[in-house]
Amino acid sequence: MVKKSSPKGSPRISGKARKAGIIASAASLFAEKGFNGTKTREIAARAGVSEALIFKHFPSKEDLYAAILAEESPVPALLDSVKALAEQRKDAEVFQVIANTIVGGAPDPELMRLIFFSALEGHELSDMFFQNHIRVFYDFLSGYIQRRIDEGAFQPVLPLIAARSFMGMLIYHRLLTVLFHAQLPHTAEDISRTFVNIMMNGLKISPHKRQARTADKKRKAHKGNTRKL
């Protein structure tokens, strides 16, 4: 069987490229009109394909939305970047990588609008994003803060509140930048470092206090052992 060739001068587009084009077009339209306000025929027109081809790759709009999140969400790559640092107890570096990622432009404006639209529409897709991305990230960050508290490196704070505090600074900065174009006359590096310094100054225990806490734990452990004897 002879394969049909593409028209002369127009290279054949691979299935992978078409799929990526559909995802990009859908993300753009979802960000403009919301999930409920976007029709598959509009996605097809923007992507330059038929509706039938969209449904071949994505049986439903929900599947398409999930593909967008898998392709565009910065969370998986960010977690990969910080887990090794967390294992080495490189506290400042963990927070610095997170700050650099958010201040540096993640998530991108289109993805932010898409997420906000689905949340405002009360669509279950916003819950999908929360459970699979946001909650996973906060579980990691609050768990790391708790571990460092247990190890005597951080102040005894509520770990999830501390994690939200740090991310709140970063996300609010992104919102002001993306939604209101409120740019700051500073480099992204300076902005990130400032957020990290604020966080670390609030969490870190001074060497003197750390020594005192260690000594107190030893005294309590010694008293406990004495009572058992």
N, C-alpha and C. Protein backbone atom coordinates (compact mmCIF):
# COMPACT_ATOMS: atom_id res chain seq x y z
N MET A 1 0.86 -1.21 0.00
CA MET A 1 0.00 0.00 0.00
C MET A 1 0.88 1.24 0.00
N VAL A 2 0.62 2.13 -0.91
CA VAL A 2 1.42 3.34 -1.04
C VAL A 2 0.89 4.42 -0.10
N LYS A 3 1.80 4.99 0.70
CA LYS A 3 1.39 6.06 1.61
C LYS A 3 1.18 7.35 0.84
N LYS A 4 0.15 8.08 1.24
CA LYS A 4 -0.11 9.37 0.60
C LYS A 4 0.95 10.36 1.04
N SER A 5 1.46 11.08 0.11
CA SER A 5 2.48 12.07 0.44
C SER A 5 1.83 13.42 0.67
N SER A 6 2.51 14.26 1.41
CA SER A 6 2.00 15.60 1.67
C SER A 6 2.13 16.43 0.42
N PRO A 7 1.30 17.49 0.28
CA PRO A 7 1.43 18.37 -0.87
C PRO A 7 2.85 18.89 -0.97
N LYS A 8 3.29 19.06 -2.21
CA LYS A 8 4.65 19.52 -2.45
C LYS A 8 4.93 20.82 -1.71
N GLY A 9 6.03 20.83 -0.98
CA GLY A 9 6.43 22.05 -0.27
C GLY A 9 5.88 22.15 1.13
N SER A 10 4.93 21.28 1.54
CA SER A 10 4.39 21.34 2.90
C SER A 10 4.74 20.05 3.62
N PRO A 11 5.66 20.11 4.57
CA PRO A 11 6.10 18.91 5.29
C PRO A 11 4.96 18.27 6.08
N ARG A 12 4.99 16.94 6.14
CA ARG A 12 3.95 16.22 6.87
C ARG A 12 4.11 16.47 8.37
N ILE A 13 3.01 16.79 9.03
CA ILE A 13 3.04 17.05 10.47
C ILE A 13 2.81 15.75 11.21
N SER A 14 3.67 15.45 12.16
CA SER A 14 3.56 14.21 12.91
C SER A 14 2.36 14.25 13.86
N GLY A 15 1.93 13.05 14.26
CA GLY A 15 0.82 12.97 15.21
C GLY A 15 1.16 13.64 16.52
N LYS A 16 2.41 13.52 16.93
CA LYS A 16 2.86 14.15 18.18
C LYS A 16 2.77 15.67 18.10
N ALA A 17 3.17 16.20 16.94
CA ALA A 17 3.12 17.65 16.75
C ALA A 17 1.68 18.15 16.71
N ARG A 18 0.80 17.39 16.07
CA ARG A 18 -0.61 17.78 16.01
C ARG A 18 -1.22 17.78 17.42
N LYS A 19 -0.86 16.75 18.18
CA LYS A 19 -1.38 16.65 19.54
C LYS A 19 -0.91 17.84 20.38
N ALA A 20 0.37 18.19 20.23
CA ALA A 20 0.90 19.34 20.96
C ALA A 20 0.21 20.63 20.54
N GLY A 21 -0.11 20.73 19.23
CA GLY A 21 -0.81 21.91 18.73
C GLY A 21 -2.22 22.01 19.29
N ILE A 22 -2.88 20.88 19.44
CA ILE A 22 -4.24 20.85 20.02
C ILE A 22 -4.18 21.30 21.48
N ILE A 23 -3.20 20.77 22.22
CA ILE A 23 -3.06 21.13 23.63
C ILE A 23 -2.80 22.63 23.77
N ALA A 24 -1.90 23.18 22.96
CA ALA A 24 -1.57 24.61 23.03
C ALA A 24 -2.78 25.47 22.68
N SER A 25 -3.52 25.08 21.65
CA SER A 25 -4.70 25.85 21.24
C SER A 25 -5.79 25.80 22.30
N ALA A 26 -5.99 24.61 22.88
CA ALA A 26 -7.01 24.47 23.92
C ALA A 26 -6.63 25.29 25.15
N ALA A 27 -5.37 25.25 25.54
CA ALA A 27 -4.92 26.02 26.71
C ALA A 27 -5.17 27.50 26.49
N SER A 28 -4.88 27.97 25.29
CA SER A 28 -5.08 29.39 24.98
C SER A 28 -6.56 29.77 25.06
N LEU A 29 -7.43 28.95 24.50
CA LEU A 29 -8.86 29.25 24.51
C LEU A 29 -9.46 29.11 25.90
N PHE A 30 -9.06 28.07 26.64
CA PHE A 30 -9.56 27.92 28.01
C PHE A 30 -9.18 29.14 28.85
N ALA A 31 -7.97 29.66 28.61
CA ALA A 31 -7.51 30.82 29.37
C ALA A 31 -8.30 32.07 28.99
N GLU A 32 -8.77 32.13 27.76
CA GLU A 32 -9.53 33.31 27.29
C GLU A 32 -11.01 33.24 27.69
N LYS A 33 -11.60 32.04 27.55
CA LYS A 33 -13.05 31.91 27.68
C LYS A 33 -13.51 31.03 28.84
N GLY A 34 -12.58 30.36 29.49
CA GLY A 34 -12.96 29.41 30.52
C GLY A 34 -13.27 28.05 29.90
N PHE A 35 -13.37 27.06 30.77
CA PHE A 35 -13.61 25.70 30.29
C PHE A 35 -15.00 25.57 29.68
N ASN A 36 -16.00 26.07 30.40
CA ASN A 36 -17.39 25.92 29.93
C ASN A 36 -17.65 26.76 28.69
N GLY A 37 -16.94 27.87 28.56
CA GLY A 37 -17.20 28.76 27.43
C GLY A 37 -16.47 28.40 26.15
N THR A 38 -15.66 27.38 26.18
CA THR A 38 -14.88 26.98 25.01
C THR A 38 -15.50 25.76 24.33
N LYS A 39 -15.71 25.85 23.03
CA LYS A 39 -16.26 24.74 22.25
C LYS A 39 -15.13 23.99 21.55
N THR A 40 -15.34 22.70 21.38
CA THR A 40 -14.30 21.90 20.71
C THR A 40 -14.10 22.35 19.27
N ARG A 41 -15.14 22.85 18.63
CA ARG A 41 -14.98 23.32 17.25
C ARG A 41 -14.07 24.54 17.19
N GLU A 42 -14.08 25.36 18.27
CA GLU A 42 -13.18 26.51 18.31
C GLU A 42 -11.74 26.05 18.49
N ILE A 43 -11.55 25.02 19.31
CA ILE A 43 -10.22 24.47 19.50
C ILE A 43 -9.71 23.90 18.18
N ALA A 44 -10.58 23.19 17.49
CA ALA A 44 -10.20 22.60 16.21
C ALA A 44 -9.80 23.67 15.20
N ALA A 45 -10.59 24.75 15.15
CA ALA A 45 -10.30 25.83 14.20
C ALA A 45 -8.96 26.47 14.51
N ARG A 46 -8.69 26.73 15.79
CA ARG A 46 -7.42 27.38 16.15
C ARG A 46 -6.24 26.45 15.90
N ALA A 47 -6.44 25.16 16.13
CA ALA A 47 -5.35 24.20 15.93
C ALA A 47 -5.19 23.80 14.47
N GLY A 48 -6.19 24.14 13.64
CA GLY A 48 -6.11 23.79 12.22
C GLY A 48 -6.35 22.31 11.97
N VAL A 49 -7.21 21.71 12.79
CA VAL A 49 -7.53 20.28 12.62
C VAL A 49 -9.04 20.11 12.68
N SER A 50 -9.50 18.88 12.47
CA SER A 50 -10.94 18.60 12.56
C SER A 50 -11.31 18.25 14.00
N GLU A 51 -12.59 18.42 14.32
CA GLU A 51 -13.07 18.02 15.65
C GLU A 51 -12.86 16.52 15.86
N ALA A 52 -13.02 15.75 14.78
CA ALA A 52 -12.85 14.30 14.89
C ALA A 52 -11.44 13.95 15.34
N LEU A 53 -10.46 14.70 14.86
CA LEU A 53 -9.07 14.43 15.25
C LEU A 53 -8.84 14.76 16.72
N ILE A 54 -9.49 15.83 17.21
CA ILE A 54 -9.39 16.17 18.63
C ILE A 54 -9.91 15.01 19.48
N PHE A 55 -11.09 14.49 19.11
CA PHE A 55 -11.68 13.41 19.90
C PHE A 55 -10.92 12.09 19.75
N LYS A 56 -10.15 11.97 18.68
CA LYS A 56 -9.30 10.79 18.51
C LYS A 56 -8.20 10.79 19.58
N HIS A 57 -7.64 11.98 19.84
CA HIS A 57 -6.57 12.11 20.83
C HIS A 57 -7.13 12.26 22.25
N PHE A 58 -8.25 13.00 22.35
CA PHE A 58 -8.83 13.32 23.67
C PHE A 58 -10.33 13.05 23.64
N PRO A 59 -10.78 11.94 24.24
CA PRO A 59 -12.21 11.57 24.19
C PRO A 59 -13.15 12.63 24.75
N SER A 60 -12.63 13.49 25.64
CA SER A 60 -13.48 14.54 26.23
C SER A 60 -12.66 15.79 26.51
N LYS A 61 -13.37 16.88 26.79
CA LYS A 61 -12.66 18.11 27.15
C LYS A 61 -11.91 17.94 28.46
N GLU A 62 -12.45 17.10 29.36
CA GLU A 62 -11.77 16.85 30.63
C GLU A 62 -10.41 16.19 30.40
N ASP A 63 -10.37 15.26 29.44
CA ASP A 63 -9.09 14.61 29.11
C ASP A 63 -8.11 15.62 28.54
N LEU A 64 -8.64 16.53 27.77
CA LEU A 64 -7.79 17.57 27.18
C LEU A 64 -7.24 18.49 28.26
N TYR A 65 -8.09 18.84 29.21
CA TYR A 65 -7.67 19.68 30.33
C TYR A 65 -6.57 19.00 31.13
N ALA A 66 -6.76 17.70 31.41
CA ALA A 66 -5.76 16.94 32.16
C ALA A 66 -4.43 16.91 31.42
N ALA A 67 -4.50 16.81 30.10
CA ALA A 67 -3.27 16.80 29.29
C ALA A 67 -2.56 18.14 29.36
N ILE A 68 -3.34 19.23 29.40
CA ILE A 68 -2.75 20.57 29.52
C ILE A 68 -1.99 20.69 30.83
N LEU A 69 -2.63 20.22 31.93
CA LEU A 69 -1.98 20.30 33.24
C LEU A 69 -0.71 19.47 33.27
N ALA A 70 -0.77 18.27 32.68
CA ALA A 70 0.41 17.41 32.66
C ALA A 70 1.54 18.04 31.87
N GLU A 71 1.18 18.78 30.82
CA GLU A 71 2.18 19.40 29.95
C GLU A 71 2.71 20.71 30.51
N GLU A 72 1.82 21.49 31.14
CA GLU A 72 2.17 22.87 31.50
C GLU A 72 2.47 23.09 32.98
N SER A 73 1.98 22.25 33.87
CA SER A 73 2.17 22.49 35.30
C SER A 73 3.66 22.46 35.66
N PRO A 74 4.11 23.47 36.42
CA PRO A 74 5.52 23.50 36.82
C PRO A 74 5.84 22.61 38.02
N VAL A 75 4.80 22.04 38.65
CA VAL A 75 4.99 21.33 39.91
C VAL A 75 5.88 20.09 39.79
N PRO A 76 5.65 19.18 38.83
CA PRO A 76 6.49 17.98 38.78
C PRO A 76 7.99 18.29 38.64
N ALA A 77 8.32 19.20 37.74
CA ALA A 77 9.74 19.55 37.55
C ALA A 77 10.30 20.24 38.78
N LEU A 78 9.49 21.08 39.42
CA LEU A 78 9.94 21.79 40.62
C LEU A 78 10.23 20.81 41.75
N LEU A 79 9.35 19.85 41.94
CA LEU A 79 9.57 18.84 42.98
C LEU A 79 10.84 18.05 42.72
N ASP A 80 11.06 17.70 41.47
CA ASP A 80 12.29 16.97 41.12
C ASP A 80 13.52 17.78 41.49
N SER A 81 13.43 19.09 41.30
CA SER A 81 14.59 19.96 41.55
C SER A 81 14.90 20.10 43.04
N VAL A 82 13.87 20.11 43.88
CA VAL A 82 14.11 20.42 45.30
C VAL A 82 14.25 19.18 46.19
N LYS A 83 13.78 18.03 45.73
CA LYS A 83 13.84 16.84 46.60
C LYS A 83 15.26 16.46 46.97
N ALA A 84 16.17 16.52 46.00
CA ALA A 84 17.57 16.17 46.30
C ALA A 84 18.17 17.16 47.28
N LEU A 85 17.85 18.44 47.13
CA LEU A 85 18.33 19.46 48.07
C LEU A 85 17.76 19.24 49.46
N ALA A 86 16.50 18.83 49.50
CA ALA A 86 15.86 18.57 50.79
C ALA A 86 16.53 17.41 51.51
N GLU A 87 16.89 16.38 50.76
CA GLU A 87 17.56 15.24 51.37
C GLU A 87 18.91 15.62 51.97
N GLN A 88 19.54 16.63 51.38
CA GLN A 88 20.84 17.10 51.88
C GLN A 88 20.69 18.18 52.94
N ARG A 89 19.46 18.49 53.31
CA ARG A 89 19.16 19.50 54.32
C ARG A 89 19.70 20.89 53.92
N LYS A 90 19.65 21.19 52.64
CA LYS A 90 20.10 22.50 52.17
C LYS A 90 18.90 23.44 52.19
N ASP A 91 18.61 23.95 53.38
CA ASP A 91 17.38 24.70 53.60
C ASP A 91 17.22 25.91 52.68
N ALA A 92 18.21 26.78 52.68
CA ALA A 92 18.10 28.00 51.88
C ALA A 92 17.96 27.67 50.40
N GLU A 93 18.70 26.64 49.95
CA GLU A 93 18.64 26.27 48.53
C GLU A 93 17.26 25.75 48.14
N VAL A 94 16.61 25.00 49.05
CA VAL A 94 15.26 24.49 48.78
C VAL A 94 14.32 25.66 48.51
N PHE A 95 14.33 26.62 49.41
CA PHE A 95 13.43 27.78 49.25
C PHE A 95 13.86 28.66 48.08
N GLN A 96 15.15 28.72 47.81
CA GLN A 96 15.64 29.56 46.72
C GLN A 96 15.19 29.02 45.36
N VAL A 97 15.27 27.70 45.19
CA VAL A 97 14.83 27.11 43.92
C VAL A 97 13.33 27.35 43.70
N ILE A 98 12.55 27.21 44.76
CA ILE A 98 11.11 27.47 44.66
C ILE A 98 10.86 28.93 44.28
N ALA A 99 11.55 29.84 44.96
CA ALA A 99 11.37 31.27 44.69
C ALA A 99 11.80 31.61 43.27
N ASN A 100 12.93 31.08 42.84
CA ASN A 100 13.41 31.35 41.48
C ASN A 100 12.41 30.89 40.44
N THR A 101 11.78 29.75 40.69
CA THR A 101 10.82 29.19 39.73
C THR A 101 9.59 30.08 39.62
N ILE A 102 9.03 30.48 40.75
CA ILE A 102 7.79 31.28 40.73
C ILE A 102 8.07 32.70 40.24
N VAL A 103 9.06 33.34 40.81
CA VAL A 103 9.38 34.72 40.40
C VAL A 103 9.84 34.75 38.95
N GLY A 104 10.49 33.66 38.53
CA GLY A 104 10.98 33.60 37.15
C GLY A 104 9.92 33.38 36.10
N GLY A 105 8.67 33.15 36.51
CA GLY A 105 7.60 33.09 35.51
C GLY A 105 6.74 31.84 35.51
N ALA A 106 6.72 31.09 36.60
CA ALA A 106 5.88 29.89 36.65
C ALA A 106 4.82 30.04 37.75
N PRO A 107 3.60 29.62 37.49
CA PRO A 107 3.11 29.16 36.19
C PRO A 107 2.97 30.32 35.21
N ASP A 108 2.97 30.00 33.91
CA ASP A 108 2.88 31.08 32.92
C ASP A 108 1.48 31.70 32.97
N PRO A 109 1.34 32.93 32.47
CA PRO A 109 0.06 33.64 32.57
C PRO A 109 -1.13 32.87 32.02
N GLU A 110 -0.93 32.15 30.92
CA GLU A 110 -2.02 31.40 30.31
C GLU A 110 -2.53 30.31 31.24
N LEU A 111 -1.60 29.59 31.85
CA LEU A 111 -1.99 28.52 32.77
C LEU A 111 -2.66 29.10 34.02
N MET A 112 -2.17 30.24 34.50
CA MET A 112 -2.79 30.87 35.66
C MET A 112 -4.24 31.23 35.38
N ARG A 113 -4.49 31.83 34.22
CA ARG A 113 -5.86 32.20 33.86
C ARG A 113 -6.75 30.96 33.73
N LEU A 114 -6.19 29.91 33.13
CA LEU A 114 -6.95 28.67 32.96
C LEU A 114 -7.37 28.11 34.32
N ILE A 115 -6.43 28.09 35.25
CA ILE A 115 -6.71 27.55 36.59
C ILE A 115 -7.75 28.41 37.30
N PHE A 116 -7.60 29.74 37.20
CA PHE A 116 -8.56 30.63 37.86
C PHE A 116 -9.95 30.48 37.27
N PHE A 117 -10.03 30.37 35.93
CA PHE A 117 -11.33 30.21 35.29
C PHE A 117 -12.03 28.96 35.80
N SER A 118 -11.32 27.84 35.83
CA SER A 118 -11.96 26.59 36.25
C SER A 118 -12.38 26.66 37.72
N ALA A 119 -11.59 27.36 38.54
CA ALA A 119 -11.95 27.52 39.96
C ALA A 119 -13.19 28.40 40.10
N LEU A 120 -13.24 29.50 39.36
CA LEU A 120 -14.38 30.42 39.43
C LEU A 120 -15.65 29.78 38.88
N GLU A 121 -15.49 28.88 37.91
CA GLU A 121 -16.64 28.19 37.34
C GLU A 121 -17.13 27.08 38.27
N GLY A 122 -16.34 26.80 39.33
CA GLY A 122 -16.71 25.75 40.24
C GLY A 122 -16.62 24.37 39.60
N HIS A 123 -15.75 24.26 38.60
CA HIS A 123 -15.64 23.01 37.86
C HIS A 123 -14.77 22.02 38.61
N GLU A 124 -15.09 20.73 38.46
CA GLU A 124 -14.31 19.69 39.13
C GLU A 124 -12.86 19.66 38.68
N LEU A 125 -12.57 20.28 37.53
CA LEU A 125 -11.20 20.30 37.04
C LEU A 125 -10.29 21.10 37.95
N SER A 126 -10.84 22.12 38.60
CA SER A 126 -10.01 22.89 39.54
C SER A 126 -9.62 22.00 40.72
N ASP A 127 -10.53 21.12 41.13
CA ASP A 127 -10.20 20.18 42.20
C ASP A 127 -9.15 19.19 41.74
N MET A 128 -9.21 18.80 40.46
CA MET A 128 -8.20 17.91 39.90
C MET A 128 -6.82 18.54 39.99
N PHE A 129 -6.75 19.82 39.64
CA PHE A 129 -5.46 20.51 39.70
C PHE A 129 -4.98 20.63 41.14
N PHE A 130 -5.91 20.95 42.04
CA PHE A 130 -5.53 21.10 43.45
C PHE A 130 -4.99 19.79 44.02
N GLN A 131 -5.72 18.71 43.79
CA GLN A 131 -5.34 17.42 44.38
C GLN A 131 -4.04 16.87 43.78
N ASN A 132 -3.88 17.00 42.47
CA ASN A 132 -2.74 16.38 41.79
C ASN A 132 -1.49 17.24 41.73
N HIS A 133 -1.64 18.54 41.99
CA HIS A 133 -0.48 19.43 41.85
C HIS A 133 -0.25 20.26 43.11
N ILE A 134 -1.23 21.11 43.44
CA ILE A 134 -1.03 22.02 44.58
C ILE A 134 -0.89 21.25 45.89
N ARG A 135 -1.80 20.31 46.14
CA ARG A 135 -1.76 19.58 47.41
C ARG A 135 -0.48 18.74 47.52
N VAL A 136 -0.07 18.13 46.43
CA VAL A 136 1.15 17.32 46.42
C VAL A 136 2.35 18.18 46.79
N PHE A 137 2.40 19.39 46.23
CA PHE A 137 3.52 20.28 46.52
C PHE A 137 3.52 20.73 47.98
N TYR A 138 2.35 21.11 48.49
CA TYR A 138 2.27 21.57 49.88
C TYR A 138 2.55 20.44 50.86
N ASP A 139 2.16 19.23 50.51
CA ASP A 139 2.49 18.08 51.37
C ASP A 139 4.00 17.93 51.48
N PHE A 140 4.68 18.10 50.35
CA PHE A 140 6.14 17.99 50.37
C PHE A 140 6.76 19.12 51.20
N LEU A 141 6.37 20.36 50.92
CA LEU A 141 7.01 21.50 51.58
C LEU A 141 6.72 21.52 53.08
N SER A 142 5.47 21.29 53.46
CA SER A 142 5.14 21.29 54.90
C SER A 142 5.81 20.11 55.59
N GLY A 143 5.91 18.97 54.89
CA GLY A 143 6.60 17.82 55.46
C GLY A 143 8.08 18.10 55.69
N TYR A 144 8.68 18.82 54.77
CA TYR A 144 10.10 19.16 54.93
C TYR A 144 10.29 20.12 56.11
N ILE A 145 9.42 21.10 56.21
CA ILE A 145 9.52 22.04 57.33
C ILE A 145 9.35 21.31 58.66
N GLN A 146 8.39 20.38 58.72
CA GLN A 146 8.18 19.60 59.95
C GLN A 146 9.43 18.78 60.29
N ARG A 147 10.04 18.18 59.29
CA ARG A 147 11.24 17.39 59.53
C ARG A 147 12.36 18.24 60.12
N ARG A 148 12.51 19.44 59.58
CA ARG A 148 13.58 20.33 60.07
C ARG A 148 13.25 20.87 61.45
N ILE A 149 11.97 21.00 61.77
CA ILE A 149 11.57 21.37 63.14
C ILE A 149 11.96 20.25 64.09
N ASP A 150 11.63 19.02 63.69
CA ASP A 150 11.94 17.86 64.52
C ASP A 150 13.45 17.71 64.74
N GLU A 151 14.22 18.13 63.76
CA GLU A 151 15.68 18.01 63.84
C GLU A 151 16.32 19.20 64.57
N GLY A 152 15.48 20.15 64.99
CA GLY A 152 15.97 21.29 65.75
C GLY A 152 16.55 22.41 64.92
N ALA A 153 16.34 22.39 63.61
CA ALA A 153 16.90 23.43 62.74
C ALA A 153 15.94 24.61 62.57
N PHE A 154 14.63 24.37 62.66
CA PHE A 154 13.63 25.41 62.47
C PHE A 154 12.86 25.66 63.76
N GLN A 155 12.30 26.87 63.84
CA GLN A 155 11.42 27.23 64.94
C GLN A 155 10.21 26.29 64.97
N PRO A 156 9.63 26.03 66.16
CA PRO A 156 8.44 25.17 66.24
C PRO A 156 7.19 25.91 65.78
N VAL A 157 7.00 25.94 64.45
CA VAL A 157 5.84 26.61 63.86
C VAL A 157 4.90 25.56 63.28
N LEU A 158 3.70 25.98 62.90
CA LEU A 158 2.78 25.09 62.21
C LEU A 158 3.28 24.95 60.77
N PRO A 159 3.72 23.78 60.36
CA PRO A 159 4.41 23.63 59.08
C PRO A 159 3.58 23.99 57.84
N LEU A 160 2.31 23.62 57.82
CA LEU A 160 1.49 23.94 56.65
C LEU A 160 1.26 25.44 56.55
N ILE A 161 1.08 26.11 57.69
CA ILE A 161 0.92 27.57 57.68
C ILE A 161 2.20 28.23 57.20
N ALA A 162 3.35 27.71 57.63
CA ALA A 162 4.63 28.26 57.18
C ALA A 162 4.80 28.08 55.67
N ALA A 163 4.42 26.90 55.17
CA ALA A 163 4.52 26.65 53.73
C ALA A 163 3.60 27.58 52.96
N ARG A 164 2.38 27.78 53.46
CA ARG A 164 1.45 28.70 52.78
C ARG A 164 1.95 30.14 52.85
N SER A 165 2.59 30.49 53.94
CA SER A 165 3.11 31.86 54.07
C SER A 165 4.15 32.14 52.99
N PHE A 166 5.07 31.20 52.83
CA PHE A 166 6.12 31.38 51.83
C PHE A 166 5.54 31.42 50.42
N MET A 167 4.69 30.45 50.09
CA MET A 167 4.10 30.41 48.76
C MET A 167 3.15 31.59 48.54
N GLY A 168 2.53 32.05 49.61
CA GLY A 168 1.64 33.21 49.50
C GLY A 168 2.39 34.45 49.02
N MET A 169 3.59 34.66 49.56
CA MET A 169 4.40 35.80 49.11
C MET A 169 4.71 35.69 47.62
N LEU A 170 5.09 34.49 47.21
CA LEU A 170 5.52 34.29 45.82
C LEU A 170 4.34 34.38 44.84
N ILE A 171 3.25 33.70 45.18
CA ILE A 171 2.09 33.69 44.28
C ILE A 171 1.46 35.07 44.18
N TYR A 172 1.40 35.80 45.30
CA TYR A 172 0.84 37.15 45.24
C TYR A 172 1.71 38.06 44.37
N HIS A 173 3.01 37.87 44.46
CA HIS A 173 3.90 38.63 43.58
C HIS A 173 3.60 38.31 42.12
N ARG A 174 3.37 37.02 41.79
CA ARG A 174 3.05 36.65 40.42
C ARG A 174 1.71 37.25 39.98
N LEU A 175 0.74 37.25 40.88
CA LEU A 175 -0.57 37.82 40.55
C LEU A 175 -0.46 39.29 40.22
N LEU A 176 0.27 40.03 41.04
CA LEU A 176 0.44 41.46 40.78
C LEU A 176 1.14 41.69 39.45
N THR A 177 2.10 40.83 39.16
CA THR A 177 2.87 40.98 37.92
C THR A 177 2.04 40.62 36.69
N VAL A 178 1.29 39.52 36.77
CA VAL A 178 0.55 39.02 35.61
C VAL A 178 -0.77 39.77 35.41
N LEU A 179 -1.55 39.90 36.47
CA LEU A 179 -2.89 40.49 36.33
C LEU A 179 -2.88 42.01 36.27
N PHE A 180 -1.97 42.65 37.02
CA PHE A 180 -1.97 44.11 37.10
C PHE A 180 -0.71 44.74 36.51
N HIS A 181 0.17 43.90 35.98
CA HIS A 181 1.41 44.38 35.34
C HIS A 181 2.18 45.31 36.28
N ALA A 182 2.15 44.98 37.57
CA ALA A 182 2.85 45.80 38.57
C ALA A 182 4.28 45.30 38.72
N GLN A 183 5.10 45.68 37.76
CA GLN A 183 6.49 45.26 37.76
C GLN A 183 7.29 46.01 38.83
N LEU A 184 8.31 45.35 39.34
CA LEU A 184 9.20 45.97 40.32
C LEU A 184 10.52 46.35 39.65
N PRO A 185 11.14 47.45 40.10
CA PRO A 185 12.41 47.88 39.49
C PRO A 185 13.61 47.11 40.05
N HIS A 186 13.46 45.79 40.15
CA HIS A 186 14.53 44.96 40.68
C HIS A 186 14.66 43.71 39.82
N THR A 187 15.80 43.06 39.89
CA THR A 187 15.98 41.84 39.13
C THR A 187 15.22 40.70 39.80
N ALA A 188 14.91 39.67 39.01
CA ALA A 188 14.22 38.50 39.55
C ALA A 188 15.06 37.86 40.65
N GLU A 189 16.38 37.90 40.49
CA GLU A 189 17.28 37.33 41.50
C GLU A 189 17.16 38.07 42.83
N ASP A 190 17.12 39.41 42.77
CA ASP A 190 16.99 40.19 44.00
C ASP A 190 15.65 39.96 44.68
N ILE A 191 14.59 39.87 43.87
CA ILE A 191 13.26 39.64 44.42
C ILE A 191 13.19 38.27 45.10
N SER A 192 13.70 37.25 44.42
CA SER A 192 13.68 35.90 44.98
C SER A 192 14.47 35.83 46.28
N ARG A 193 15.66 36.43 46.27
CA ARG A 193 16.52 36.39 47.45
C ARG A 193 15.86 37.08 48.63
N THR A 194 15.14 38.15 48.38
CA THR A 194 14.45 38.87 49.46
C THR A 194 13.38 37.99 50.10
N PHE A 195 12.57 37.32 49.28
CA PHE A 195 11.55 36.42 49.81
C PHE A 195 12.17 35.29 50.63
N VAL A 196 13.26 34.74 50.12
CA VAL A 196 13.91 33.63 50.83
C VAL A 196 14.50 34.11 52.15
N ASN A 197 15.11 35.29 52.15
CA ASN A 197 15.68 35.84 53.40
C ASN A 197 14.60 36.05 54.46
N ILE A 198 13.45 36.57 54.04
CA ILE A 198 12.34 36.78 54.97
C ILE A 198 11.92 35.44 55.57
N MET A 199 11.80 34.43 54.71
CA MET A 199 11.37 33.11 55.18
C MET A 199 12.40 32.48 56.11
N MET A 200 13.65 32.51 55.71
CA MET A 200 14.68 31.85 56.50
C MET A 200 14.91 32.57 57.83
N ASN A 201 14.82 33.88 57.84
CA ASN A 201 14.98 34.62 59.10
C ASN A 201 13.85 34.30 60.07
N GLY A 202 12.69 33.96 59.52
CA GLY A 202 11.58 33.59 60.39
C GLY A 202 11.65 32.17 60.90
N LEU A 203 12.29 31.28 60.13
CA LEU A 203 12.32 29.87 60.50
C LEU A 203 13.57 29.44 61.26
N LYS A 204 14.70 29.95 60.85
CA LYS A 204 15.96 29.47 61.40
C LYS A 204 16.10 29.77 62.89
N ILE A 205 16.70 28.85 63.58
CA ILE A 205 17.00 29.03 65.00
C ILE A 205 18.45 29.48 65.13
N SER A 206 18.69 30.46 65.97
CA SER A 206 20.06 30.93 66.17
C SER A 206 20.90 29.81 66.80
N PRO A 207 22.20 29.80 66.56
CA PRO A 207 23.06 28.75 67.14
C PRO A 207 22.92 28.64 68.66
N HIS A 208 22.76 29.79 69.35
CA HIS A 208 22.62 29.77 70.80
C HIS A 208 21.34 29.06 71.21
N LYS A 209 20.22 29.41 70.56
CA LYS A 209 18.94 28.78 70.89
C LYS A 209 18.96 27.30 70.53
N ARG A 210 19.64 26.98 69.43
CA ARG A 210 19.71 25.58 69.01
C ARG A 210 20.46 24.74 70.04
N GLN A 211 21.55 25.29 70.54
CA GLN A 211 22.32 24.59 71.57
C GLN A 211 21.48 24.40 72.83
N ALA A 212 20.72 25.46 73.17
CA ALA A 212 19.89 25.38 74.37
C ALA A 212 18.81 24.32 74.22
N ARG A 213 18.19 24.25 73.04
CA ARG A 213 17.16 23.25 72.79
C ARG A 213 17.74 21.84 72.85
N THR A 214 18.92 21.67 72.27
CA THR A 214 19.57 20.35 72.29
C THR A 214 19.88 19.91 73.72
N ALA A 215 20.39 20.87 74.50
CA ALA A 215 20.71 20.57 75.90
C ALA A 215 19.45 20.23 76.68
N ASP A 216 18.36 20.95 76.40
CA ASP A 216 17.10 20.70 77.09
C ASP A 216 16.56 19.31 76.76
N LYS A 217 16.66 18.91 75.48
CA LYS A 217 16.22 17.58 75.08
C LYS A 217 17.03 16.50 75.79
N LYS A 218 18.34 16.73 75.88
CA LYS A 218 19.20 15.75 76.56
C LYS A 218 18.84 15.62 78.03
N ARG A 219 18.54 16.75 78.69
CA ARG A 219 18.15 16.73 80.10
C ARG A 219 16.86 15.94 80.29
N LYS A 220 15.89 16.19 79.39
CA LYS A 220 14.61 15.49 79.49
C LYS A 220 14.79 13.99 79.25
N ALA A 221 15.65 13.67 78.27
CA ALA A 221 15.90 12.26 77.98
C ALA A 221 16.58 11.59 79.17
N HIS A 222 17.51 12.32 79.80
CA HIS A 222 18.23 11.76 80.95
C HIS A 222 17.28 11.53 82.13
N LYS A 223 16.37 12.48 82.37
CA LYS A 223 15.39 12.33 83.45
C LYS A 223 14.49 11.13 83.18
N GLY A 224 14.10 10.96 81.92
CA GLY A 224 13.25 9.83 81.57
C GLY A 224 13.93 8.51 81.80
N ASN A 225 15.21 8.44 81.47
CA ASN A 225 15.97 7.21 81.67
C ASN A 225 16.16 6.92 83.16
N THR A 226 16.35 8.00 83.96
CA THR A 226 16.56 7.86 85.41
C THR A 226 15.31 7.27 86.06
N ARG A 227 14.12 7.73 85.61
CA ARG A 227 12.88 7.24 86.19
C ARG A 227 12.66 5.77 85.91
N LYS A 228 13.14 5.31 84.75
CA LYS A 228 12.96 3.91 84.38
C LYS A 228 13.82 3.00 85.25
N LEU A 229 14.95 3.53 85.78
CA LEU A 229 15.87 2.72 86.57
C LEU A 229 15.37 2.45 87.96
